[in-house]
Amino acid sequence: KDKAFSAGTFFHIFAVNSLLNTLGE
C-alpha cells in the first residue's frame, strides 16, 4: 500500500498501469 500510493509510484502512469493490468488478471 505504501509503495503503491507513494508519490513516486502513484503519479508514475506506467507503474500504475502495469499494477492494474497485473491485478486484473
mmCIF file of all heavy atoms, coordinates in Angstrom:
data_MODEL
# 
_entry.id   MODEL 
# 
loop_
_atom_site.group_PDB 
_atom_site.id 
_atom_site.type_symbol 
_atom_site.label_atom_id 
_atom_site.label_alt_id 
_atom_site.label_comp_id 
_atom_site.label_asym_id 
_atom_site.label_entity_id 
_atom_site.label_seq_id 
_atom_site.pdbx_PDB_ins_code 
_atom_site.Cartn_x 
_atom_site.Cartn_y 
_atom_site.Cartn_z 
_atom_site.occupancy 
_atom_site.B_iso_or_equiv 
_atom_site.pdbx_formal_charge 
_atom_site.auth_seq_id 
_atom_site.auth_comp_id 
_atom_site.auth_asym_id 
_atom_site.auth_atom_id 
_atom_site.pdbx_PDB_model_num 
ATOM 1   N N   . LYS A 1 1  ? 0.843  -1.208  0.000   1.00 0.00 ? 1  LYS A N   1 
ATOM 2   C CA  . LYS A 1 1  ? 0.000  0.000   0.000   1.00 0.00 ? 1  LYS A CA  1 
ATOM 3   C C   . LYS A 1 1  ? 0.874  1.252   0.000   1.00 0.00 ? 1  LYS A C   1 
ATOM 4   O O   . LYS A 1 1  ? 0.644  2.173   -0.788  1.00 0.00 ? 1  LYS A O   1 
ATOM 5   C CB  . LYS A 1 1  ? -0.937 0.012   1.195   1.00 0.00 ? 1  LYS A CB  1 
ATOM 6   C CG  . LYS A 1 1  ? -1.856 1.239   1.238   1.00 0.00 ? 1  LYS A CG  1 
ATOM 7   C CD  . LYS A 1 1  ? -2.557 1.392   2.548   1.00 0.00 ? 1  LYS A CD  1 
ATOM 8   C CE  . LYS A 1 1  ? -1.720 1.981   3.628   1.00 0.00 ? 1  LYS A CE  1 
ATOM 9   N NZ  . LYS A 1 1  ? -1.440 3.389   3.627   1.00 0.00 ? 1  LYS A NZ  1 
ATOM 10  N N   . ASP A 1 2  ? 1.870  1.292   0.877   1.00 0.00 ? 2  ASP A N   1 
ATOM 11  C CA  . ASP A 1 2  ? 2.742  2.464   0.958   1.00 0.00 ? 2  ASP A CA  1 
ATOM 12  C C   . ASP A 1 2  ? 3.452  2.723   -0.365  1.00 0.00 ? 2  ASP A C   1 
ATOM 13  O O   . ASP A 1 2  ? 3.532  3.865   -0.824  1.00 0.00 ? 2  ASP A O   1 
ATOM 14  C CB  . ASP A 1 2  ? 3.782  2.292   2.072   1.00 0.00 ? 2  ASP A CB  1 
ATOM 15  C CG  . ASP A 1 2  ? 3.166  2.347   3.469   1.00 0.00 ? 2  ASP A CG  1 
ATOM 16  O OD1 . ASP A 1 2  ? 1.993  2.744   3.615   1.00 0.00 ? 2  ASP A OD1 1 
ATOM 17  O OD2 . ASP A 1 2  ? 3.872  1.958   4.423   1.00 0.00 ? 2  ASP A OD2 1 
ATOM 18  N N   . LYS A 1 3  ? 3.940  1.652   -0.988  1.00 0.00 ? 3  LYS A N   1 
ATOM 19  C CA  . LYS A 1 3  ? 4.656  1.816   -2.257  1.00 0.00 ? 3  LYS A CA  1 
ATOM 20  C C   . LYS A 1 3  ? 3.694  2.220   -3.377  1.00 0.00 ? 3  LYS A C   1 
ATOM 21  O O   . LYS A 1 3  ? 4.002  3.100   -4.178  1.00 0.00 ? 3  LYS A O   1 
ATOM 22  C CB  . LYS A 1 3  ? 5.368  0.505   -2.611  1.00 0.00 ? 3  LYS A CB  1 
ATOM 23  C CG  . LYS A 1 3  ? 6.171  0.548   -3.899  1.00 0.00 ? 3  LYS A CG  1 
ATOM 24  C CD  . LYS A 1 3  ? 7.517  1.210   -3.704  1.00 0.00 ? 3  LYS A CD  1 
ATOM 25  C CE  . LYS A 1 3  ? 8.366  1.236   -4.941  1.00 0.00 ? 3  LYS A CE  1 
ATOM 26  N NZ  . LYS A 1 3  ? 9.342  0.178   -5.023  1.00 0.00 ? 3  LYS A NZ  1 
ATOM 27  N N   . ALA A 1 4  ? 2.516  1.601   -3.409  1.00 0.00 ? 4  ALA A N   1 
ATOM 28  C CA  . ALA A 1 4  ? 1.551  1.893   -4.478  1.00 0.00 ? 4  ALA A CA  1 
ATOM 29  C C   . ALA A 1 4  ? 1.042  3.329   -4.406  1.00 0.00 ? 4  ALA A C   1 
ATOM 30  O O   . ALA A 1 4  ? 0.767  3.936   -5.439  1.00 0.00 ? 4  ALA A O   1 
ATOM 31  C CB  . ALA A 1 4  ? 0.379  0.922   -4.404  1.00 0.00 ? 4  ALA A CB  1 
ATOM 32  N N   . PHE A 1 5  ? 0.943  3.877   -3.207  1.00 0.00 ? 5  PHE A N   1 
ATOM 33  C CA  . PHE A 1 5  ? 0.396  5.222   -3.063  1.00 0.00 ? 5  PHE A CA  1 
ATOM 34  C C   . PHE A 1 5  ? 1.463  6.277   -2.781  1.00 0.00 ? 5  PHE A C   1 
ATOM 35  O O   . PHE A 1 5  ? 1.151  7.403   -2.442  1.00 0.00 ? 5  PHE A O   1 
ATOM 36  C CB  . PHE A 1 5  ? -0.693 5.250   -1.990  1.00 0.00 ? 5  PHE A CB  1 
ATOM 37  C CG  . PHE A 1 5  ? -1.934 4.546   -2.436  1.00 0.00 ? 5  PHE A CG  1 
ATOM 38  C CD1 . PHE A 1 5  ? -2.191 3.256   -2.023  1.00 0.00 ? 5  PHE A CD1 1 
ATOM 39  C CD2 . PHE A 1 5  ? -2.818 5.146   -3.315  1.00 0.00 ? 5  PHE A CD2 1 
ATOM 40  C CE1 . PHE A 1 5  ? -3.323 2.583   -2.462  1.00 0.00 ? 5  PHE A CE1 1 
ATOM 41  C CE2 . PHE A 1 5  ? -3.946 4.491   -3.755  1.00 0.00 ? 5  PHE A CE2 1 
ATOM 42  C CZ  . PHE A 1 5  ? -4.194 3.199   -3.333  1.00 0.00 ? 5  PHE A CZ  1 
ATOM 43  N N   . SER A 1 6  ? 2.731  5.911   -2.936  1.00 0.00 ? 6  SER A N   1 
ATOM 44  C CA  . SER A 1 6  ? 3.794  6.899   -2.781  1.00 0.00 ? 6  SER A CA  1 
ATOM 45  C C   . SER A 1 6  ? 3.802  7.804   -4.009  1.00 0.00 ? 6  SER A C   1 
ATOM 46  O O   . SER A 1 6  ? 3.363  7.411   -5.092  1.00 0.00 ? 6  SER A O   1 
ATOM 47  C CB  . SER A 1 6  ? 5.150  6.211   -2.631  1.00 0.00 ? 6  SER A CB  1 
ATOM 48  O OG  . SER A 1 6  ? 5.533  5.590   -3.843  1.00 0.00 ? 6  SER A OG  1 
ATOM 49  N N   . ALA A 1 7  ? 4.287  9.005   -3.832  1.00 0.00 ? 7  ALA A N   1 
ATOM 50  C CA  . ALA A 1 7  ? 4.310  9.961   -4.946  1.00 0.00 ? 7  ALA A CA  1 
ATOM 51  C C   . ALA A 1 7  ? 5.088  9.411   -6.132  1.00 0.00 ? 7  ALA A C   1 
ATOM 52  O O   . ALA A 1 7  ? 4.711  9.616   -7.279  1.00 0.00 ? 7  ALA A O   1 
ATOM 53  C CB  . ALA A 1 7  ? 4.907  11.285  -4.489  1.00 0.00 ? 7  ALA A CB  1 
ATOM 54  N N   . GLY A 1 8  ? 6.175  8.692   -5.870  1.00 0.00 ? 8  GLY A N   1 
ATOM 55  C CA  . GLY A 1 8  ? 7.000  8.164   -6.947  1.00 0.00 ? 8  GLY A CA  1 
ATOM 56  C C   . GLY A 1 8  ? 6.300  7.114   -7.782  1.00 0.00 ? 8  GLY A C   1 
ATOM 57  O O   . GLY A 1 8  ? 6.602  6.941   -8.947  1.00 0.00 ? 8  GLY A O   1 
ATOM 58  N N   . THR A 1 9  ? 5.352  6.388   -7.184  1.00 0.00 ? 9  THR A N   1 
ATOM 59  C CA  . THR A 1 9  ? 4.642  5.336   -7.909  1.00 0.00 ? 9  THR A CA  1 
ATOM 60  C C   . THR A 1 9  ? 3.278  5.808   -8.371  1.00 0.00 ? 9  THR A C   1 
ATOM 61  O O   . THR A 1 9  ? 2.899  5.630   -9.516  1.00 0.00 ? 9  THR A O   1 
ATOM 62  C CB  . THR A 1 9  ? 4.471  4.077   -7.030  1.00 0.00 ? 9  THR A CB  1 
ATOM 63  O OG1 . THR A 1 9  ? 5.759  3.641   -6.613  1.00 0.00 ? 9  THR A OG1 1 
ATOM 64  C CG2 . THR A 1 9  ? 3.778  2.964   -7.789  1.00 0.00 ? 9  THR A CG2 1 
ATOM 65  N N   . PHE A 1 10 ? 2.535  6.428   -7.468  1.00 0.00 ? 10 PHE A N   1 
ATOM 66  C CA  . PHE A 1 10 ? 1.146  6.775   -7.756  1.00 0.00 ? 10 PHE A CA  1 
ATOM 67  C C   . PHE A 1 10 ? 1.029  7.695   -8.968  1.00 0.00 ? 10 PHE A C   1 
ATOM 68  O O   . PHE A 1 10 ? 0.097  7.581   -9.747  1.00 0.00 ? 10 PHE A O   1 
ATOM 69  C CB  . PHE A 1 10 ? 0.502  7.416   -6.525  1.00 0.00 ? 10 PHE A CB  1 
ATOM 70  C CG  . PHE A 1 10 ? -0.986 7.547   -6.634  1.00 0.00 ? 10 PHE A CG  1 
ATOM 71  C CD1 . PHE A 1 10 ? -1.782 6.415   -6.739  1.00 0.00 ? 10 PHE A CD1 1 
ATOM 72  C CD2 . PHE A 1 10 ? -1.592 8.779   -6.649  1.00 0.00 ? 10 PHE A CD2 1 
ATOM 73  C CE1 . PHE A 1 10 ? -3.157 6.519   -6.842  1.00 0.00 ? 10 PHE A CE1 1 
ATOM 74  C CE2 . PHE A 1 10 ? -2.972 8.884   -6.753  1.00 0.00 ? 10 PHE A CE2 1 
ATOM 75  C CZ  . PHE A 1 10 ? -3.745 7.755   -6.844  1.00 0.00 ? 10 PHE A CZ  1 
ATOM 76  N N   . PHE A 1 11 ? 2.010  8.578   -9.136  1.00 0.00 ? 11 PHE A N   1 
ATOM 77  C CA  . PHE A 1 11 ? 1.939  9.508   -10.254 1.00 0.00 ? 11 PHE A CA  1 
ATOM 78  C C   . PHE A 1 11 ? 2.760  9.033   -11.451 1.00 0.00 ? 11 PHE A C   1 
ATOM 79  O O   . PHE A 1 11 ? 2.898  9.735   -12.421 1.00 0.00 ? 11 PHE A O   1 
ATOM 80  C CB  . PHE A 1 11 ? 2.384  10.905  -9.802  1.00 0.00 ? 11 PHE A CB  1 
ATOM 81  C CG  . PHE A 1 11 ? 1.453  11.485  -8.788  1.00 0.00 ? 11 PHE A CG  1 
ATOM 82  C CD1 . PHE A 1 11 ? 1.839  11.641  -7.471  1.00 0.00 ? 11 PHE A CD1 1 
ATOM 83  C CD2 . PHE A 1 11 ? 0.159  11.837  -9.139  1.00 0.00 ? 11 PHE A CD2 1 
ATOM 84  C CE1 . PHE A 1 11 ? 0.964  12.150  -6.530  1.00 0.00 ? 11 PHE A CE1 1 
ATOM 85  C CE2 . PHE A 1 11 ? -0.723 12.343  -8.203  1.00 0.00 ? 11 PHE A CE2 1 
ATOM 86  C CZ  . PHE A 1 11 ? -0.318 12.506  -6.894  1.00 0.00 ? 11 PHE A CZ  1 
ATOM 87  N N   . HIS A 1 12 ? 3.291  7.830   -11.377 1.00 0.00 ? 12 HIS A N   1 
ATOM 88  C CA  . HIS A 1 12 ? 4.028  7.254   -12.489 1.00 0.00 ? 12 HIS A CA  1 
ATOM 89  C C   . HIS A 1 12 ? 3.053  6.366   -13.258 1.00 0.00 ? 12 HIS A C   1 
ATOM 90  O O   . HIS A 1 12 ? 2.781  5.244   -12.860 1.00 0.00 ? 12 HIS A O   1 
ATOM 91  C CB  . HIS A 1 12 ? 5.239  6.459   -11.970 1.00 0.00 ? 12 HIS A CB  1 
ATOM 92  C CG  . HIS A 1 12 ? 6.153  6.009   -13.058 1.00 0.00 ? 12 HIS A CG  1 
ATOM 93  N ND1 . HIS A 1 12 ? 5.999  4.809   -13.695 1.00 0.00 ? 12 HIS A ND1 1 
ATOM 94  C CD2 . HIS A 1 12 ? 7.219  6.617   -13.634 1.00 0.00 ? 12 HIS A CD2 1 
ATOM 95  C CE1 . HIS A 1 12 ? 6.936  4.675   -14.618 1.00 0.00 ? 12 HIS A CE1 1 
ATOM 96  N NE2 . HIS A 1 12 ? 7.681  5.763   -14.593 1.00 0.00 ? 12 HIS A NE2 1 
ATOM 97  N N   . ILE A 1 13 ? 2.509  6.870   -14.333 1.00 0.00 ? 13 ILE A N   1 
ATOM 98  C CA  . ILE A 1 13 ? 1.417  6.230   -15.051 1.00 0.00 ? 13 ILE A CA  1 
ATOM 99  C C   . ILE A 1 13 ? 1.763  4.826   -15.512 1.00 0.00 ? 13 ILE A C   1 
ATOM 100 O O   . ILE A 1 13 ? 0.918  3.929   -15.485 1.00 0.00 ? 13 ILE A O   1 
ATOM 101 C CB  . ILE A 1 13 ? 0.932  7.101   -16.236 1.00 0.00 ? 13 ILE A CB  1 
ATOM 102 C CG1 . ILE A 1 13 ? -0.378 6.561   -16.815 1.00 0.00 ? 13 ILE A CG1 1 
ATOM 103 C CG2 . ILE A 1 13 ? 1.996  7.208   -17.302 1.00 0.00 ? 13 ILE A CG2 1 
ATOM 104 C CD1 . ILE A 1 13 ? -1.543 6.600   -15.880 1.00 0.00 ? 13 ILE A CD1 1 
ATOM 105 N N   . PHE A 1 14 ? 3.003  4.580   -15.891 1.00 0.00 ? 14 PHE A N   1 
ATOM 106 C CA  . PHE A 1 14 ? 3.380  3.254   -16.358 1.00 0.00 ? 14 PHE A CA  1 
ATOM 107 C C   . PHE A 1 14 ? 3.344  2.236   -15.214 1.00 0.00 ? 14 PHE A C   1 
ATOM 108 O O   . PHE A 1 14 ? 2.919  1.102   -15.390 1.00 0.00 ? 14 PHE A O   1 
ATOM 109 C CB  . PHE A 1 14 ? 4.750  3.284   -17.029 1.00 0.00 ? 14 PHE A CB  1 
ATOM 110 C CG  . PHE A 1 14 ? 4.773  4.115   -18.277 1.00 0.00 ? 14 PHE A CG  1 
ATOM 111 C CD1 . PHE A 1 14 ? 5.456  5.314   -18.306 1.00 0.00 ? 14 PHE A CD1 1 
ATOM 112 C CD2 . PHE A 1 14 ? 4.070  3.714   -19.417 1.00 0.00 ? 14 PHE A CD2 1 
ATOM 113 C CE1 . PHE A 1 14 ? 5.454  6.097   -19.461 1.00 0.00 ? 14 PHE A CE1 1 
ATOM 114 C CE2 . PHE A 1 14 ? 4.067  4.485   -20.568 1.00 0.00 ? 14 PHE A CE2 1 
ATOM 115 C CZ  . PHE A 1 14 ? 4.765  5.687   -20.582 1.00 0.00 ? 14 PHE A CZ  1 
ATOM 116 N N   . ALA A 1 15 ? 3.793  2.644   -14.041 1.00 0.00 ? 15 ALA A N   1 
ATOM 117 C CA  . ALA A 1 15 ? 3.776  1.743   -12.885 1.00 0.00 ? 15 ALA A CA  1 
ATOM 118 C C   . ALA A 1 15 ? 2.341  1.421   -12.480 1.00 0.00 ? 15 ALA A C   1 
ATOM 119 O O   . ALA A 1 15 ? 1.999  0.267   -12.204 1.00 0.00 ? 15 ALA A O   1 
ATOM 120 C CB  . ALA A 1 15 ? 4.532  2.353   -11.707 1.00 0.00 ? 15 ALA A CB  1 
ATOM 121 N N   . VAL A 1 16 ? 1.488  2.437   -12.439 1.00 0.00 ? 16 VAL A N   1 
ATOM 122 C CA  . VAL A 1 16 ? 0.086  2.220   -12.071 1.00 0.00 ? 16 VAL A CA  1 
ATOM 123 C C   . VAL A 1 16 ? -0.597 1.335   -13.102 1.00 0.00 ? 16 VAL A C   1 
ATOM 124 O O   . VAL A 1 16 ? -1.312 0.393   -12.756 1.00 0.00 ? 16 VAL A O   1 
ATOM 125 C CB  . VAL A 1 16 ? -0.656 3.572   -11.920 1.00 0.00 ? 16 VAL A CB  1 
ATOM 126 C CG1 . VAL A 1 16 ? -2.149 3.347   -11.735 1.00 0.00 ? 16 VAL A CG1 1 
ATOM 127 C CG2 . VAL A 1 16 ? -0.085 4.363   -10.756 1.00 0.00 ? 16 VAL A CG2 1 
ATOM 128 N N   . ASN A 1 17 ? -0.361 1.598   -14.376 1.00 0.00 ? 17 ASN A N   1 
ATOM 129 C CA  . ASN A 1 17 ? -0.966 0.804   -15.436 1.00 0.00 ? 17 ASN A CA  1 
ATOM 130 C C   . ASN A 1 17 ? -0.517 -0.653  -15.352 1.00 0.00 ? 17 ASN A C   1 
ATOM 131 O O   . ASN A 1 17 ? -1.329 -1.575  -15.483 1.00 0.00 ? 17 ASN A O   1 
ATOM 132 C CB  . ASN A 1 17 ? -0.622 1.398   -16.803 1.00 0.00 ? 17 ASN A CB  1 
ATOM 133 C CG  . ASN A 1 17 ? -1.370 0.722   -17.921 1.00 0.00 ? 17 ASN A CG  1 
ATOM 134 O OD1 . ASN A 1 17 ? -2.577 0.534   -17.834 1.00 0.00 ? 17 ASN A OD1 1 
ATOM 135 N ND2 . ASN A 1 17 ? -0.664 0.344   -18.969 1.00 0.00 ? 17 ASN A ND2 1 
ATOM 136 N N   . SER A 1 18 ? 0.775  -0.878  -15.132 1.00 0.00 ? 18 SER A N   1 
ATOM 137 C CA  . SER A 1 18 ? 1.296  -2.235  -15.007 1.00 0.00 ? 18 SER A CA  1 
ATOM 138 C C   . SER A 1 18 ? 0.666  -2.961  -13.822 1.00 0.00 ? 18 SER A C   1 
ATOM 139 O O   . SER A 1 18 ? 0.275  -4.125  -13.921 1.00 0.00 ? 18 SER A O   1 
ATOM 140 C CB  . SER A 1 18 ? 2.825  -2.192  -14.851 1.00 0.00 ? 18 SER A CB  1 
ATOM 141 O OG  . SER A 1 18 ? 3.327  -3.479  -14.643 1.00 0.00 ? 18 SER A OG  1 
ATOM 142 N N   . LEU A 1 19 ? 0.537  -2.262  -12.684 1.00 0.00 ? 19 LEU A N   1 
ATOM 143 C CA  . LEU A 1 19 ? -0.066 -2.861  -11.497 1.00 0.00 ? 19 LEU A CA  1 
ATOM 144 C C   . LEU A 1 19 ? -1.523 -3.222  -11.755 1.00 0.00 ? 19 LEU A C   1 
ATOM 145 O O   . LEU A 1 19 ? -1.967 -4.327  -11.440 1.00 0.00 ? 19 LEU A O   1 
ATOM 146 C CB  . LEU A 1 19 ? 0.048  -1.904  -10.304 1.00 0.00 ? 19 LEU A CB  1 
ATOM 147 C CG  . LEU A 1 19 ? -0.534 -2.406  -8.993  1.00 0.00 ? 19 LEU A CG  1 
ATOM 148 C CD1 . LEU A 1 19 ? 0.155  -3.686  -8.544  1.00 0.00 ? 19 LEU A CD1 1 
ATOM 149 C CD2 . LEU A 1 19 ? -0.407 -1.333  -7.925  1.00 0.00 ? 19 LEU A CD2 1 
ATOM 150 N N   . LEU A 1 20 ? -2.287 -2.318  -12.347 1.00 0.00 ? 20 LEU A N   1 
ATOM 151 C CA  . LEU A 1 20 ? -3.700 -2.592  -12.623 1.00 0.00 ? 20 LEU A CA  1 
ATOM 152 C C   . LEU A 1 20 ? -3.865 -3.732  -13.619 1.00 0.00 ? 20 LEU A C   1 
ATOM 153 O O   . LEU A 1 20 ? -4.757 -4.580  -13.460 1.00 0.00 ? 20 LEU A O   1 
ATOM 154 C CB  . LEU A 1 20 ? -4.407 -1.332  -13.115 1.00 0.00 ? 20 LEU A CB  1 
ATOM 155 C CG  . LEU A 1 20 ? -4.554 -0.223  -12.079 1.00 0.00 ? 20 LEU A CG  1 
ATOM 156 C CD1 . LEU A 1 20 ? -5.183 1.013   -12.708 1.00 0.00 ? 20 LEU A CD1 1 
ATOM 157 C CD2 . LEU A 1 20 ? -5.361 -0.692  -10.883 1.00 0.00 ? 20 LEU A CD2 1 
ATOM 158 N N   . ASN A 1 21 ? -3.026 -3.780  -14.637 1.00 0.00 ? 21 ASN A N   1 
ATOM 159 C CA  . ASN A 1 21 ? -3.094 -4.892  -15.592 1.00 0.00 ? 21 ASN A CA  1 
ATOM 160 C C   . ASN A 1 21 ? -2.790 -6.219  -14.919 1.00 0.00 ? 21 ASN A C   1 
ATOM 161 O O   . ASN A 1 21 ? -3.450 -7.226  -15.172 1.00 0.00 ? 21 ASN A O   1 
ATOM 162 C CB  . ASN A 1 21 ? -2.130 -4.670  -16.762 1.00 0.00 ? 21 ASN A CB  1 
ATOM 163 C CG  . ASN A 1 21 ? -2.641 -3.641  -17.736 1.00 0.00 ? 21 ASN A CG  1 
ATOM 164 O OD1 . ASN A 1 21 ? -3.837 -3.375  -17.808 1.00 0.00 ? 21 ASN A OD1 1 
ATOM 165 N ND2 . ASN A 1 21 ? -1.737 -3.040  -18.480 1.00 0.00 ? 21 ASN A ND2 1 
ATOM 166 N N   . THR A 1 22 ? -1.803 -6.225  -14.046 1.00 0.00 ? 22 THR A N   1 
ATOM 167 C CA  . THR A 1 22 ? -1.445 -7.445  -13.319 1.00 0.00 ? 22 THR A CA  1 
ATOM 168 C C   . THR A 1 22 ? -2.595 -7.899  -12.438 1.00 0.00 ? 22 THR A C   1 
ATOM 169 O O   . THR A 1 22 ? -2.965 -9.066  -12.435 1.00 0.00 ? 22 THR A O   1 
ATOM 170 C CB  . THR A 1 22 ? -0.183 -7.206  -12.458 1.00 0.00 ? 22 THR A CB  1 
ATOM 171 O OG1 . THR A 1 22 ? 0.892  -6.889  -13.335 1.00 0.00 ? 22 THR A OG1 1 
ATOM 172 C CG2 . THR A 1 22 ? 0.169  -8.436  -11.635 1.00 0.00 ? 22 THR A CG2 1 
ATOM 173 N N   . LEU A 1 23 ? -3.157 -6.984  -11.686 1.00 0.00 ? 23 LEU A N   1 
ATOM 174 C CA  . LEU A 1 23 ? -4.252 -7.339  -10.783 1.00 0.00 ? 23 LEU A CA  1 
ATOM 175 C C   . LEU A 1 23 ? -5.481 -7.786  -11.554 1.00 0.00 ? 23 LEU A C   1 
ATOM 176 O O   . LEU A 1 23 ? -6.190 -8.694  -11.113 1.00 0.00 ? 23 LEU A O   1 
ATOM 177 C CB  . LEU A 1 23 ? -4.583 -6.169  -9.867  1.00 0.00 ? 23 LEU A CB  1 
ATOM 178 C CG  . LEU A 1 23 ? -3.510 -5.819  -8.843  1.00 0.00 ? 23 LEU A CG  1 
ATOM 179 C CD1 . LEU A 1 23 ? -3.949 -4.627  -8.015  1.00 0.00 ? 23 LEU A CD1 1 
ATOM 180 C CD2 . LEU A 1 23 ? -3.172 -6.997  -7.959  1.00 0.00 ? 23 LEU A CD2 1 
ATOM 181 N N   . GLY A 1 24 ? -5.717 -7.185  -12.698 1.00 0.00 ? 24 GLY A N   1 
ATOM 182 C CA  . GLY A 1 24 ? -6.889 -7.552  -13.498 1.00 0.00 ? 24 GLY A CA  1 
ATOM 183 C C   . GLY A 1 24 ? -6.892 -9.014  -13.891 1.00 0.00 ? 24 GLY A C   1 
ATOM 184 O O   . GLY A 1 24 ? -7.931 -9.640  -13.976 1.00 0.00 ? 24 GLY A O   1 
ATOM 185 N N   . GLU A 1 25 ? -5.723 -9.586  -14.086 1.00 0.00 ? 25 GLU A N   1 
ATOM 186 C CA  . GLU A 1 25 ? -5.610 -10.985 -14.487 1.00 0.00 ? 25 GLU A CA  1 
ATOM 187 C C   . GLU A 1 25 ? -5.714 -11.944 -13.299 1.00 0.00 ? 25 GLU A C   1 
ATOM 188 O O   . GLU A 1 25 ? -6.017 -13.108 -13.477 1.00 0.00 ? 25 GLU A O   1 
ATOM 189 C CB  . GLU A 1 25 ? -4.256 -11.217 -15.167 1.00 0.00 ? 25 GLU A CB  1 
ATOM 190 C CG  . GLU A 1 25 ? -4.056 -10.405 -16.424 1.00 0.00 ? 25 GLU A CG  1 
ATOM 191 C CD  . GLU A 1 25 ? -2.597 -10.390 -16.878 1.00 0.00 ? 25 GLU A CD  1 
ATOM 192 O OE1 . GLU A 1 25 ? -1.763 -11.060 -16.252 1.00 0.00 ? 25 GLU A OE1 1 
ATOM 193 O OE2 . GLU A 1 25 ? -2.308 -9.684  -17.854 1.00 0.00 ? 25 GLU A OE2 1 
# 
